[in-house]
Amino acid sequence: MTKNVNQQTNNGKQYHIPMEVTKETIKDFNIDPADVVWTKIGNRRVKAAMIPVEKEVYYQFMRPLWREDKRNQRAEPMVSLDELTDEYSYEVSDCNDIAEDYAKKVLIDKLHSTLDELDEIDRKIMGMYGEGKSESKIGESVHMSQRGVNKRKHKILSKLKKELKDFR
């Protein structure tokens, strides 16, 4: 056991699992409050002490959490670019409010310019995603893994949300 821990240290890779703690457990187990950090366990942010473990124990602990996270991602409803902008009302209004119409036009122009700035592959990914294609089908088309498509898609959606945040 000590040999494995030393090997992990020598390789520069140390594995830790979070142990959720409360004020009571910190006191009962004499945990140094400086060793307590905020971390995520599953989908919850908790105070935890990081326990050093061997690689195998780390993976046994983390795999179910990773599976649950992936299951939750797959269960999320697909978001299209139309749905992304649904919260922004940008159709021309019935009344003659020039300022409102201008603000809507600026929003549409900003969305178009942000989409135009994307790499060709990102535009293709978002186009296929908007058509309801699965990440694996998109990956086959653009010669990427499903995981790579997922990461790029989330990065693109985050960029669009960030660029459009001023219009909320």
N, C-alpha and C. Protein backbone atom coordinates (compact mmCIF):
# COMPACT_ATOMS: atom_id res chain seq x y z
N MET A 1 0.83 -1.19 0.00
CA MET A 1 0.00 0.00 0.00
C MET A 1 0.87 1.25 0.00
N THR A 2 1.86 1.30 0.87
CA THR A 2 2.74 2.45 0.94
C THR A 2 3.51 2.60 -0.37
N LYS A 3 3.90 1.47 -0.96
CA LYS A 3 4.63 1.51 -2.22
C LYS A 3 3.78 2.16 -3.31
N ASN A 4 2.47 1.81 -3.39
CA ASN A 4 1.59 2.39 -4.40
C ASN A 4 1.42 3.89 -4.21
N VAL A 5 1.27 4.33 -2.96
CA VAL A 5 1.12 5.75 -2.68
C VAL A 5 2.39 6.49 -3.08
N ASN A 6 3.56 5.90 -2.78
CA ASN A 6 4.82 6.52 -3.17
C ASN A 6 4.96 6.56 -4.69
N GLN A 7 4.53 5.50 -5.38
CA GLN A 7 4.60 5.50 -6.83
C GLN A 7 3.71 6.59 -7.40
N GLN A 8 2.53 6.77 -6.82
CA GLN A 8 1.62 7.81 -7.29
C GLN A 8 2.28 9.18 -7.13
N THR A 9 2.93 9.40 -6.00
CA THR A 9 3.60 10.67 -5.75
C THR A 9 4.75 10.86 -6.73
N ASN A 10 5.53 9.80 -6.96
CA ASN A 10 6.67 9.90 -7.87
C ASN A 10 6.20 10.17 -9.30
N ASN A 11 5.08 9.62 -9.70
CA ASN A 11 4.55 9.86 -11.04
C ASN A 11 3.89 11.23 -11.15
N GLY A 12 3.70 11.90 -10.04
CA GLY A 12 3.07 13.21 -10.06
C GLY A 12 1.56 13.14 -10.07
N LYS A 13 0.99 11.95 -10.10
CA LYS A 13 -0.46 11.79 -10.16
C LYS A 13 -0.93 11.26 -8.82
N GLN A 14 -1.67 12.09 -8.10
CA GLN A 14 -2.24 11.66 -6.83
C GLN A 14 -3.76 11.62 -6.98
N TYR A 15 -4.37 10.64 -6.40
CA TYR A 15 -5.82 10.47 -6.52
C TYR A 15 -6.46 10.74 -5.16
N HIS A 16 -7.54 11.53 -5.20
CA HIS A 16 -8.26 11.88 -3.99
C HIS A 16 -9.75 11.71 -4.23
N ILE A 17 -10.45 11.26 -3.21
CA ILE A 17 -11.91 11.24 -3.29
C ILE A 17 -12.45 12.16 -2.21
N PRO A 18 -13.55 12.84 -2.51
CA PRO A 18 -14.11 13.76 -1.51
C PRO A 18 -14.95 13.01 -0.49
N MET A 19 -14.78 13.38 0.77
CA MET A 19 -15.63 12.86 1.84
C MET A 19 -16.42 14.05 2.39
N GLU A 20 -17.73 14.00 2.21
CA GLU A 20 -18.56 15.10 2.68
C GLU A 20 -18.44 15.23 4.19
N VAL A 21 -18.30 16.48 4.65
CA VAL A 21 -18.15 16.71 6.08
C VAL A 21 -19.13 17.78 6.55
N THR A 22 -19.45 17.72 7.81
CA THR A 22 -20.27 18.73 8.47
C THR A 22 -19.45 19.28 9.63
N LYS A 23 -19.99 20.26 10.31
CA LYS A 23 -19.28 20.81 11.47
C LYS A 23 -19.03 19.71 12.51
N GLU A 24 -20.02 18.83 12.65
CA GLU A 24 -19.90 17.75 13.63
C GLU A 24 -18.80 16.76 13.25
N THR A 25 -18.76 16.36 11.96
CA THR A 25 -17.74 15.38 11.55
C THR A 25 -16.35 16.00 11.61
N ILE A 26 -16.24 17.27 11.33
CA ILE A 26 -14.94 17.94 11.42
C ILE A 26 -14.45 17.88 12.87
N LYS A 27 -15.37 18.14 13.80
CA LYS A 27 -15.01 18.12 15.22
C LYS A 27 -14.75 16.69 15.70
N ASP A 28 -15.66 15.75 15.34
CA ASP A 28 -15.55 14.37 15.83
C ASP A 28 -14.29 13.66 15.32
N PHE A 29 -13.88 13.94 14.09
CA PHE A 29 -12.74 13.25 13.51
C PHE A 29 -11.47 14.11 13.50
N ASN A 30 -11.51 15.23 14.22
CA ASN A 30 -10.35 16.13 14.32
C ASN A 30 -9.78 16.49 12.94
N ILE A 31 -10.66 16.86 12.03
CA ILE A 31 -10.24 17.28 10.69
C ILE A 31 -9.86 18.75 10.75
N ASP A 32 -8.72 19.07 10.20
CA ASP A 32 -8.27 20.45 10.17
C ASP A 32 -9.20 21.24 9.23
N PRO A 33 -9.88 22.28 9.72
CA PRO A 33 -10.79 23.05 8.87
C PRO A 33 -10.11 23.62 7.62
N ALA A 34 -8.79 23.79 7.67
CA ALA A 34 -8.07 24.28 6.49
C ALA A 34 -8.05 23.23 5.37
N ASP A 35 -8.26 21.96 5.73
CA ASP A 35 -8.26 20.88 4.75
C ASP A 35 -9.63 20.68 4.10
N VAL A 36 -10.62 21.42 4.56
CA VAL A 36 -11.98 21.28 4.02
C VAL A 36 -12.14 22.23 2.84
N VAL A 37 -12.65 21.69 1.73
CA VAL A 37 -12.83 22.48 0.51
C VAL A 37 -14.26 22.29 -0.01
N TRP A 38 -14.71 23.24 -0.81
CA TRP A 38 -15.98 23.08 -1.50
C TRP A 38 -15.70 22.28 -2.77
N THR A 39 -16.48 21.25 -3.00
CA THR A 39 -16.32 20.43 -4.20
C THR A 39 -17.67 19.90 -4.62
N LYS A 40 -17.70 19.27 -5.75
CA LYS A 40 -18.93 18.71 -6.28
C LYS A 40 -18.92 17.20 -6.10
N ILE A 41 -19.96 16.67 -5.52
CA ILE A 41 -20.17 15.22 -5.45
C ILE A 41 -21.47 14.98 -6.19
N GLY A 42 -21.37 14.34 -7.35
CA GLY A 42 -22.56 14.22 -8.20
C GLY A 42 -22.94 15.60 -8.69
N ASN A 43 -24.18 15.99 -8.44
CA ASN A 43 -24.64 17.31 -8.86
C ASN A 43 -24.73 18.29 -7.69
N ARG A 44 -24.22 17.88 -6.54
CA ARG A 44 -24.30 18.74 -5.35
C ARG A 44 -22.95 19.34 -5.01
N ARG A 45 -22.96 20.61 -4.62
CA ARG A 45 -21.74 21.23 -4.10
C ARG A 45 -21.76 21.06 -2.59
N VAL A 46 -20.68 20.49 -2.06
CA VAL A 46 -20.61 20.18 -0.64
C VAL A 46 -19.24 20.55 -0.08
N LYS A 47 -19.20 20.67 1.24
CA LYS A 47 -17.91 20.81 1.93
C LYS A 47 -17.36 19.40 2.08
N ALA A 48 -16.08 19.24 1.75
CA ALA A 48 -15.51 17.90 1.80
C ALA A 48 -14.04 17.95 2.18
N ALA A 49 -13.60 16.85 2.76
CA ALA A 49 -12.17 16.63 2.99
C ALA A 49 -11.72 15.69 1.88
N MET A 50 -10.59 15.99 1.27
CA MET A 50 -10.09 15.17 0.17
C MET A 50 -9.20 14.07 0.74
N ILE A 51 -9.60 12.82 0.52
CA ILE A 51 -8.92 11.66 1.06
C ILE A 51 -8.02 11.04 -0.01
N PRO A 52 -6.71 10.92 0.24
CA PRO A 52 -5.84 10.29 -0.76
C PRO A 52 -6.12 8.79 -0.85
N VAL A 53 -6.23 8.30 -2.08
CA VAL A 53 -6.51 6.88 -2.31
C VAL A 53 -5.69 6.39 -3.50
N GLU A 54 -5.73 5.07 -3.69
CA GLU A 54 -5.08 4.47 -4.84
C GLU A 54 -5.95 4.69 -6.08
N LYS A 55 -5.33 4.54 -7.22
CA LYS A 55 -6.00 4.77 -8.50
C LYS A 55 -7.26 3.92 -8.63
N GLU A 56 -7.18 2.65 -8.29
CA GLU A 56 -8.31 1.74 -8.43
C GLU A 56 -9.50 2.18 -7.57
N VAL A 57 -9.22 2.60 -6.35
CA VAL A 57 -10.28 3.06 -5.44
C VAL A 57 -10.92 4.33 -6.00
N TYR A 58 -10.09 5.22 -6.51
CA TYR A 58 -10.58 6.47 -7.10
C TYR A 58 -11.57 6.17 -8.23
N TYR A 59 -11.17 5.28 -9.14
CA TYR A 59 -12.04 4.96 -10.27
C TYR A 59 -13.32 4.24 -9.83
N GLN A 60 -13.22 3.36 -8.82
CA GLN A 60 -14.41 2.70 -8.30
C GLN A 60 -15.39 3.70 -7.72
N PHE A 61 -14.87 4.73 -7.07
CA PHE A 61 -15.72 5.76 -6.48
C PHE A 61 -16.31 6.68 -7.54
N MET A 62 -15.48 7.09 -8.50
CA MET A 62 -15.90 8.10 -9.47
C MET A 62 -16.76 7.57 -10.62
N ARG A 63 -16.56 6.34 -11.06
CA ARG A 63 -17.30 5.83 -12.23
C ARG A 63 -18.81 5.96 -12.08
N PRO A 64 -19.40 5.57 -10.95
CA PRO A 64 -20.86 5.75 -10.84
C PRO A 64 -21.28 7.22 -10.92
N LEU A 65 -20.47 8.12 -10.38
CA LEU A 65 -20.79 9.55 -10.46
C LEU A 65 -20.72 10.03 -11.90
N TRP A 66 -19.69 9.58 -12.61
CA TRP A 66 -19.55 9.97 -14.01
C TRP A 66 -20.71 9.43 -14.85
N ARG A 67 -21.10 8.17 -14.57
CA ARG A 67 -22.23 7.58 -15.30
C ARG A 67 -23.52 8.36 -15.05
N GLU A 68 -23.75 8.71 -13.79
CA GLU A 68 -24.95 9.47 -13.45
C GLU A 68 -24.94 10.83 -14.13
N ASP A 69 -23.79 11.48 -14.14
CA ASP A 69 -23.68 12.78 -14.80
C ASP A 69 -23.96 12.64 -16.30
N LYS A 70 -23.43 11.62 -16.93
CA LYS A 70 -23.66 11.39 -18.35
C LYS A 70 -25.12 11.08 -18.62
N ARG A 71 -25.74 10.28 -17.75
CA ARG A 71 -27.17 9.96 -17.88
C ARG A 71 -28.01 11.23 -17.81
N ASN A 72 -27.66 12.12 -16.89
CA ASN A 72 -28.38 13.39 -16.75
C ASN A 72 -28.19 14.27 -17.98
N GLN A 73 -26.97 14.30 -18.53
CA GLN A 73 -26.73 15.07 -19.75
C GLN A 73 -27.57 14.55 -20.90
N ARG A 74 -27.64 13.23 -21.02
CA ARG A 74 -28.42 12.66 -22.13
C ARG A 74 -29.91 12.88 -21.94
N ALA A 75 -30.35 12.99 -20.69
CA ALA A 75 -31.78 13.18 -20.41
C ALA A 75 -32.22 14.62 -20.63
N GLU A 76 -31.24 15.55 -20.67
CA GLU A 76 -31.58 16.95 -20.91
C GLU A 76 -32.23 17.08 -22.27
N PRO A 77 -33.30 17.86 -22.35
CA PRO A 77 -33.90 18.05 -23.68
C PRO A 77 -32.93 18.78 -24.59
N MET A 78 -32.98 18.42 -25.88
CA MET A 78 -32.10 19.08 -26.85
C MET A 78 -32.50 20.54 -26.97
N VAL A 79 -31.52 21.40 -27.07
CA VAL A 79 -31.76 22.83 -27.20
C VAL A 79 -31.36 23.24 -28.60
N SER A 80 -32.28 23.84 -29.31
CA SER A 80 -31.94 24.33 -30.64
C SER A 80 -31.59 25.80 -30.54
N LEU A 81 -31.05 26.34 -31.61
CA LEU A 81 -30.73 27.77 -31.61
C LEU A 81 -32.00 28.58 -31.49
N ASP A 82 -33.11 28.08 -32.04
CA ASP A 82 -34.38 28.78 -31.89
C ASP A 82 -34.79 28.86 -30.43
N GLU A 83 -34.66 27.74 -29.70
CA GLU A 83 -35.02 27.72 -28.29
C GLU A 83 -34.08 28.59 -27.48
N LEU A 84 -32.82 28.65 -27.89
CA LEU A 84 -31.85 29.48 -27.19
C LEU A 84 -32.28 30.94 -27.20
N THR A 85 -32.89 31.36 -28.29
CA THR A 85 -33.30 32.76 -28.41
C THR A 85 -34.78 32.97 -28.11
N ASP A 86 -35.52 31.91 -27.70
CA ASP A 86 -36.94 32.05 -27.40
C ASP A 86 -37.21 33.08 -26.32
N GLU A 87 -36.31 33.15 -25.33
CA GLU A 87 -36.55 34.10 -24.25
C GLU A 87 -36.37 35.54 -24.70
N TYR A 88 -35.80 35.71 -25.88
CA TYR A 88 -35.65 37.03 -26.45
C TYR A 88 -36.76 37.24 -27.48
N SER A 89 -37.62 38.16 -27.25
CA SER A 89 -38.68 38.44 -28.21
C SER A 89 -38.12 39.39 -29.25
N TYR A 90 -37.93 38.89 -30.48
CA TYR A 90 -37.28 39.73 -31.47
C TYR A 90 -38.09 39.91 -32.74
N GLU A 91 -39.36 39.53 -32.72
CA GLU A 91 -40.19 39.82 -33.88
C GLU A 91 -40.64 41.27 -33.81
N VAL A 92 -40.90 41.85 -34.97
CA VAL A 92 -41.31 43.25 -35.01
C VAL A 92 -42.63 43.38 -34.26
N SER A 93 -42.69 44.37 -33.40
CA SER A 93 -43.88 44.55 -32.57
C SER A 93 -45.01 45.19 -33.38
N ASP A 94 -46.23 45.02 -32.86
CA ASP A 94 -47.40 45.59 -33.52
C ASP A 94 -47.42 47.10 -33.40
N CYS A 95 -46.94 47.61 -32.30
CA CYS A 95 -46.93 49.05 -32.12
C CYS A 95 -45.69 49.62 -32.80
N ASN A 96 -45.66 50.90 -32.97
CA ASN A 96 -44.55 51.53 -33.66
C ASN A 96 -43.52 52.03 -32.66
N ASP A 97 -42.90 51.11 -31.94
CA ASP A 97 -41.87 51.46 -30.98
C ASP A 97 -40.51 51.28 -31.66
N ILE A 98 -39.97 52.36 -32.17
CA ILE A 98 -38.74 52.30 -32.96
C ILE A 98 -37.57 51.81 -32.10
N ALA A 99 -37.50 52.23 -30.84
CA ALA A 99 -36.39 51.82 -29.97
C ALA A 99 -36.42 50.31 -29.75
N GLU A 100 -37.60 49.75 -29.52
CA GLU A 100 -37.73 48.31 -29.29
C GLU A 100 -37.38 47.54 -30.56
N ASP A 101 -37.86 48.00 -31.71
CA ASP A 101 -37.55 47.34 -32.97
C ASP A 101 -36.05 47.38 -33.26
N TYR A 102 -35.43 48.50 -32.95
CA TYR A 102 -33.99 48.63 -33.17
C TYR A 102 -33.21 47.67 -32.27
N ALA A 103 -33.63 47.56 -30.99
CA ALA A 103 -32.97 46.66 -30.05
C ALA A 103 -33.09 45.21 -30.54
N LYS A 104 -34.23 44.85 -31.09
CA LYS A 104 -34.42 43.50 -31.62
C LYS A 104 -33.52 43.25 -32.83
N LYS A 105 -33.40 44.25 -33.68
CA LYS A 105 -32.54 44.12 -34.85
C LYS A 105 -31.08 43.95 -34.41
N VAL A 106 -30.66 44.68 -33.39
CA VAL A 106 -29.29 44.57 -32.88
C VAL A 106 -29.05 43.17 -32.33
N LEU A 107 -30.04 42.61 -31.63
CA LEU A 107 -29.93 41.25 -31.10
C LEU A 107 -29.74 40.25 -32.23
N ILE A 108 -30.55 40.35 -33.26
CA ILE A 108 -30.46 39.42 -34.39
C ILE A 108 -29.10 39.55 -35.07
N ASP A 109 -28.66 40.79 -35.26
CA ASP A 109 -27.35 41.02 -35.89
C ASP A 109 -26.22 40.42 -35.04
N LYS A 110 -26.32 40.58 -33.72
CA LYS A 110 -25.30 40.03 -32.82
C LYS A 110 -25.29 38.51 -32.90
N LEU A 111 -26.45 37.88 -32.93
CA LEU A 111 -26.55 36.42 -33.04
C LEU A 111 -25.91 35.95 -34.35
N HIS A 112 -26.24 36.63 -35.44
CA HIS A 112 -25.67 36.25 -36.74
C HIS A 112 -24.15 36.43 -36.76
N SER A 113 -23.67 37.54 -36.22
CA SER A 113 -22.22 37.77 -36.24
C SER A 113 -21.49 36.75 -35.36
N THR A 114 -22.09 36.37 -34.23
CA THR A 114 -21.48 35.37 -33.36
C THR A 114 -21.44 34.02 -34.05
N LEU A 115 -22.53 33.67 -34.73
CA LEU A 115 -22.56 32.40 -35.47
C LEU A 115 -21.55 32.43 -36.62
N ASP A 116 -21.40 33.57 -37.27
CA ASP A 116 -20.45 33.68 -38.38
C ASP A 116 -19.00 33.55 -37.91
N GLU A 117 -18.74 33.92 -36.65
CA GLU A 117 -17.38 33.83 -36.11
C GLU A 117 -16.98 32.40 -35.77
N LEU A 118 -17.95 31.49 -35.70
CA LEU A 118 -17.65 30.10 -35.36
C LEU A 118 -16.84 29.45 -36.48
N ASP A 119 -16.02 28.48 -36.10
CA ASP A 119 -15.31 27.69 -37.10
C ASP A 119 -16.33 26.92 -37.94
N GLU A 120 -15.92 26.54 -39.12
CA GLU A 120 -16.81 25.81 -40.03
C GLU A 120 -17.35 24.53 -39.38
N ILE A 121 -16.48 23.81 -38.68
CA ILE A 121 -16.90 22.56 -38.03
C ILE A 121 -17.95 22.83 -36.95
N ASP A 122 -17.78 23.95 -36.22
CA ASP A 122 -18.74 24.29 -35.18
C ASP A 122 -20.10 24.65 -35.78
N ARG A 123 -20.08 25.37 -36.91
CA ARG A 123 -21.35 25.69 -37.58
C ARG A 123 -22.03 24.42 -38.06
N LYS A 124 -21.23 23.49 -38.57
CA LYS A 124 -21.80 22.22 -39.04
C LYS A 124 -22.39 21.43 -37.87
N ILE A 125 -21.67 21.39 -36.75
CA ILE A 125 -22.16 20.69 -35.55
C ILE A 125 -23.48 21.30 -35.10
N MET A 126 -23.55 22.63 -35.02
CA MET A 126 -24.77 23.28 -34.55
C MET A 126 -25.91 23.11 -35.54
N GLY A 127 -25.60 23.11 -36.84
CA GLY A 127 -26.65 22.89 -37.84
C GLY A 127 -27.25 21.51 -37.71
N MET A 128 -26.39 20.50 -37.56
CA MET A 128 -26.89 19.12 -37.43
C MET A 128 -27.60 18.94 -36.09
N TYR A 129 -27.09 19.58 -35.06
CA TYR A 129 -27.72 19.50 -33.74
C TYR A 129 -29.12 20.12 -33.80
N GLY A 130 -29.23 21.23 -34.49
CA GLY A 130 -30.54 21.89 -34.67
C GLY A 130 -31.51 21.03 -35.45
N GLU A 131 -30.99 20.14 -36.31
CA GLU A 131 -31.85 19.23 -37.07
C GLU A 131 -32.24 18.01 -36.24
N GLY A 132 -31.73 17.92 -35.02
CA GLY A 132 -32.10 16.81 -34.13
C GLY A 132 -31.22 15.58 -34.27
N LYS A 133 -30.08 15.71 -34.93
CA LYS A 133 -29.16 14.58 -35.09
C LYS A 133 -28.50 14.26 -33.74
N SER A 134 -28.21 13.00 -33.52
CA SER A 134 -27.55 12.59 -32.28
C SER A 134 -26.08 12.98 -32.34
N GLU A 135 -25.46 13.06 -31.17
CA GLU A 135 -24.05 13.42 -31.10
C GLU A 135 -23.18 12.40 -31.81
N SER A 136 -23.55 11.12 -31.73
CA SER A 136 -22.75 10.10 -32.41
C SER A 136 -22.85 10.24 -33.92
N LYS A 137 -24.05 10.55 -34.45
CA LYS A 137 -24.21 10.76 -35.89
C LYS A 137 -23.44 11.99 -36.35
N ILE A 138 -23.49 13.05 -35.54
CA ILE A 138 -22.74 14.26 -35.86
C ILE A 138 -21.25 13.94 -35.87
N GLY A 139 -20.80 13.16 -34.87
CA GLY A 139 -19.39 12.78 -34.78
C GLY A 139 -18.92 12.02 -36.01
N GLU A 140 -19.76 11.09 -36.50
CA GLU A 140 -19.40 10.34 -37.71
C GLU A 140 -19.24 11.30 -38.89
N SER A 141 -20.12 12.28 -38.97
CA SER A 141 -20.11 13.21 -40.10
C SER A 141 -18.89 14.14 -40.08
N VAL A 142 -18.49 14.57 -38.89
CA VAL A 142 -17.38 15.53 -38.79
C VAL A 142 -16.07 14.85 -38.36
N HIS A 143 -16.08 13.51 -38.28
CA HIS A 143 -14.89 12.73 -37.94
C HIS A 143 -14.37 13.07 -36.55
N MET A 144 -15.29 13.07 -35.59
CA MET A 144 -14.94 13.31 -34.18
C MET A 144 -15.65 12.25 -33.35
N SER A 145 -15.20 12.10 -32.11
CA SER A 145 -15.89 11.19 -31.19
C SER A 145 -17.16 11.87 -30.69
N GLN A 146 -18.07 11.07 -30.17
CA GLN A 146 -19.31 11.61 -29.60
C GLN A 146 -18.97 12.55 -28.46
N ARG A 147 -17.99 12.18 -27.67
CA ARG A 147 -17.59 13.01 -26.53
C ARG A 147 -17.03 14.36 -27.00
N GLY A 148 -16.24 14.32 -28.07
CA GLY A 148 -15.69 15.55 -28.62
C GLY A 148 -16.78 16.48 -29.12
N VAL A 149 -17.80 15.89 -29.78
CA VAL A 149 -18.94 16.68 -30.26
C VAL A 149 -19.67 17.30 -29.08
N ASN A 150 -19.88 16.50 -28.02
CA ASN A 150 -20.58 16.99 -26.84
C ASN A 150 -19.85 18.18 -26.23
N LYS A 151 -18.55 18.08 -26.09
CA LYS A 151 -17.76 19.17 -25.49
C LYS A 151 -17.83 20.43 -26.36
N ARG A 152 -17.69 20.25 -27.68
CA ARG A 152 -17.74 21.43 -28.57
C ARG A 152 -19.11 22.07 -28.53
N LYS A 153 -20.16 21.25 -28.52
CA LYS A 153 -21.52 21.77 -28.51
C LYS A 153 -21.76 22.60 -27.25
N HIS A 154 -21.34 22.09 -26.11
CA HIS A 154 -21.53 22.84 -24.87
C HIS A 154 -20.71 24.13 -24.87
N LYS A 155 -19.52 24.08 -25.44
CA LYS A 155 -18.68 25.27 -25.53
C LYS A 155 -19.34 26.33 -26.42
N ILE A 156 -19.92 25.88 -27.55
CA ILE A 156 -20.58 26.80 -28.48
C ILE A 156 -21.80 27.44 -27.82
N LEU A 157 -22.63 26.62 -27.17
CA LEU A 157 -23.83 27.16 -26.52
C LEU A 157 -23.46 28.14 -25.41
N SER A 158 -22.40 27.84 -24.68
CA SER A 158 -21.94 28.77 -23.63
C SER A 158 -21.50 30.09 -24.25
N LYS A 159 -20.78 30.01 -25.37
CA LYS A 159 -20.33 31.22 -26.05
C LYS A 159 -21.51 32.05 -26.51
N LEU A 160 -22.52 31.40 -27.09
CA LEU A 160 -23.70 32.13 -27.56
C LEU A 160 -24.44 32.79 -26.40
N LYS A 161 -24.60 32.06 -25.31
CA LYS A 161 -25.28 32.64 -24.14
C LYS A 161 -24.50 33.83 -23.60
N LYS A 162 -23.18 33.71 -23.57
CA LYS A 162 -22.33 34.79 -23.07
C LYS A 162 -22.46 36.03 -23.97
N GLU A 163 -22.42 35.80 -25.27
CA GLU A 163 -22.52 36.92 -26.21
C GLU A 163 -23.88 37.61 -26.16
N LEU A 164 -24.93 36.84 -25.85
CA LEU A 164 -26.28 37.40 -25.87
C LEU A 164 -26.77 37.85 -24.49
N LYS A 165 -25.91 37.73 -23.47
CA LYS A 165 -26.36 38.05 -22.11
C LYS A 165 -26.80 39.49 -21.93
N ASP A 166 -26.24 40.40 -22.72
CA ASP A 166 -26.61 41.82 -22.60
C ASP A 166 -28.01 42.09 -23.12
N PHE A 167 -28.62 41.15 -23.82
CA PHE A 167 -29.93 41.37 -24.42
C PHE A 167 -31.06 40.80 -23.57
N ARG A 168 -30.77 40.29 -22.41
CA ARG A 168 -31.82 39.70 -21.56
C ARG A 168 -32.63 40.77 -20.92
